Amino acid sequence: MALHESGEMYLENILILKDKNETVRAIDLANFMNFSKPSVSRGLSLLKSGGYITVMEDGGINLTKKGKEKAEKIYEKHKILLSALVSLGVDEETARADACKIEHVISDTSFEKIKDRYGK
């Protein structure tokens, strides 16, 4: 199952929340992303059926190996694109918003060139 932008955003945000809190639940994700609980439930269901997450009995969300690898790849793109845009003189708020958009559509080839130039 190929992920769409929204699925990638869910994975990235689960990863970010996991770095802050040991347990991440659907309500945490809904609040963080400013999405409705039904939207988050549907998104999580798709990620679960795709093998990207597991949901524990207590509602805790865990990334599978596949999900974590995908989330880390997306988050790496976000951080490097943000850094590149800021280094080019784009203000942080605009750079953050643009990085969020670009990270989902940029080719691996183009990203690797940007990473070589701006990655740390």
Protein backbone atom coordinates (compact mmCIF):
# COMPACT_ATOMS: atom_id res chain seq x y z
CA MET A 1 0.00 0.00 0.00
CA ALA A 2 1.50 3.31 -1.08
CA LEU A 3 1.03 6.10 1.40
CA HIS A 4 -0.53 9.39 0.47
CA GLU A 5 0.58 12.69 1.96
CA SER A 6 -1.90 12.45 4.82
CA GLY A 7 -0.63 9.01 5.83
CA GLU A 8 2.93 10.29 5.78
CA MET A 9 1.91 13.23 7.96
CA TYR A 10 0.31 10.89 10.49
CA LEU A 11 3.47 8.77 10.67
CA GLU A 12 5.72 11.81 10.99
CA ASN A 13 3.56 13.27 13.76
CA ILE A 14 3.39 9.96 15.63
CA LEU A 15 7.19 9.89 15.53
CA ILE A 16 7.41 13.47 16.82
CA LEU A 17 4.94 12.78 19.63
CA LYS A 18 6.73 9.52 20.54
CA ASP A 19 9.91 11.55 21.05
CA LYS A 20 8.04 13.73 23.57
CA ASN A 21 5.81 11.15 25.27
CA GLU A 22 6.17 7.45 25.89
CA THR A 23 2.56 6.78 24.94
CA VAL A 24 0.75 8.31 21.99
CA ARG A 25 -2.99 7.87 21.60
CA ALA A 26 -5.43 8.94 18.91
CA ILE A 27 -6.59 11.92 21.00
CA ASP A 28 -2.98 13.14 21.30
CA LEU A 29 -2.62 12.96 17.54
CA ALA A 30 -5.95 14.70 16.96
CA ASN A 31 -4.96 17.55 19.29
CA PHE A 32 -1.44 17.86 17.85
CA MET A 33 -2.63 17.90 14.24
CA ASN A 34 -5.82 19.87 14.98
CA PHE A 35 -7.89 17.13 13.31
CA SER A 36 -11.20 15.66 14.40
CA LYS A 37 -11.18 12.36 16.28
CA PRO A 38 -13.13 10.60 13.49
CA SER A 39 -10.58 11.76 10.89
CA VAL A 40 -7.72 10.50 13.02
CA SER A 41 -9.50 7.18 13.62
CA ARG A 42 -9.91 6.67 9.88
CA GLY A 43 -6.28 7.61 9.19
CA LEU A 44 -5.02 5.28 11.89
CA SER A 45 -7.18 2.47 10.56
CA LEU A 46 -5.58 2.83 7.13
CA LEU A 47 -2.08 2.90 8.65
CA LYS A 48 -2.88 -0.19 10.71
CA SER A 49 -4.18 -2.12 7.70
CA GLY A 50 -1.06 -1.08 5.76
CA GLY A 51 1.20 -2.49 8.46
CA TYR A 52 2.63 0.88 9.52
CA ILE A 53 1.28 0.95 13.09
CA THR A 54 -0.11 -1.25 15.80
CA VAL A 55 -2.66 -0.11 18.35
CA MET A 56 -2.44 -1.57 21.84
CA GLU A 57 -5.43 -2.53 23.99
CA ASP A 58 -4.96 0.66 26.03
CA GLY A 59 -5.10 2.75 22.84
CA GLY A 60 -1.37 3.36 22.61
CA ILE A 61 -0.08 3.69 19.06
CA ASN A 62 3.22 2.10 18.08
CA LEU A 63 5.07 2.38 14.81
CA THR A 64 6.02 -0.93 13.23
CA LYS A 65 9.51 -1.27 11.80
CA LYS A 66 8.07 -0.37 8.39
CA GLY A 67 6.20 2.62 9.87
CA LYS A 68 9.19 3.89 11.81
CA GLU A 69 11.47 3.71 8.77
CA LYS A 70 8.95 5.64 6.68
CA ALA A 71 8.36 8.22 9.44
CA GLU A 72 12.08 8.78 9.94
CA LYS A 73 12.61 9.23 6.20
CA ILE A 74 9.83 11.83 5.99
CA TYR A 75 11.04 13.65 9.11
CA GLU A 76 14.61 13.73 7.78
CA LYS A 77 13.32 15.32 4.59
CA HIS A 78 11.39 17.88 6.62
CA LYS A 79 14.38 18.89 8.74
CA ILE A 80 16.81 19.15 5.82
CA LEU A 81 14.37 21.01 3.58
CA LEU A 82 13.56 23.41 6.41
CA SER A 83 17.26 24.03 6.99
CA ALA A 84 17.91 24.54 3.28
CA LEU A 85 15.07 27.02 2.88
CA VAL A 86 16.10 29.00 5.96
CA SER A 87 19.72 29.09 4.75
CA LEU A 88 18.44 30.55 1.48
CA GLY A 89 16.81 33.40 3.40
CA VAL A 90 13.24 32.15 3.69
CA ASP A 91 11.65 33.14 7.01
CA GLU A 92 11.17 30.23 9.43
CA GLU A 93 7.35 30.17 9.34
CA THR A 94 7.22 30.09 5.52
CA ALA A 95 10.10 27.62 5.35
CA ARG A 96 8.35 25.26 7.79
CA ALA A 97 5.09 25.36 5.81
CA ASP A 98 6.88 24.87 2.48
CA ALA A 99 9.05 22.03 3.83
CA CYS A 100 5.85 20.26 4.95
CA LYS A 101 4.53 20.42 1.40
CA ILE A 102 7.74 19.62 -0.45
CA GLU A 103 8.72 16.63 1.71
CA HIS A 104 5.84 14.59 0.29
CA VAL A 105 6.43 15.21 -3.41
CA ILE A 106 10.16 15.61 -3.89
CA SER A 107 11.93 12.78 -5.70
CA ASP A 108 14.60 10.79 -3.89
CA THR A 109 17.11 11.97 -6.49
CA SER A 110 16.43 15.66 -5.90
CA PHE A 111 16.29 15.19 -2.14
CA GLU A 112 19.66 13.43 -2.08
CA LYS A 113 21.23 16.39 -3.93
CA ILE A 114 19.70 18.85 -1.44
CA LYS A 115 20.81 16.60 1.43
CA ASP A 116 24.37 16.52 0.04
CA ARG A 117 24.41 20.33 -0.07
CA TYR A 118 22.46 21.27 3.07
CA GLY A 119 22.35 18.15 5.24
CA LYS A 120 24.25 18.09 8.48
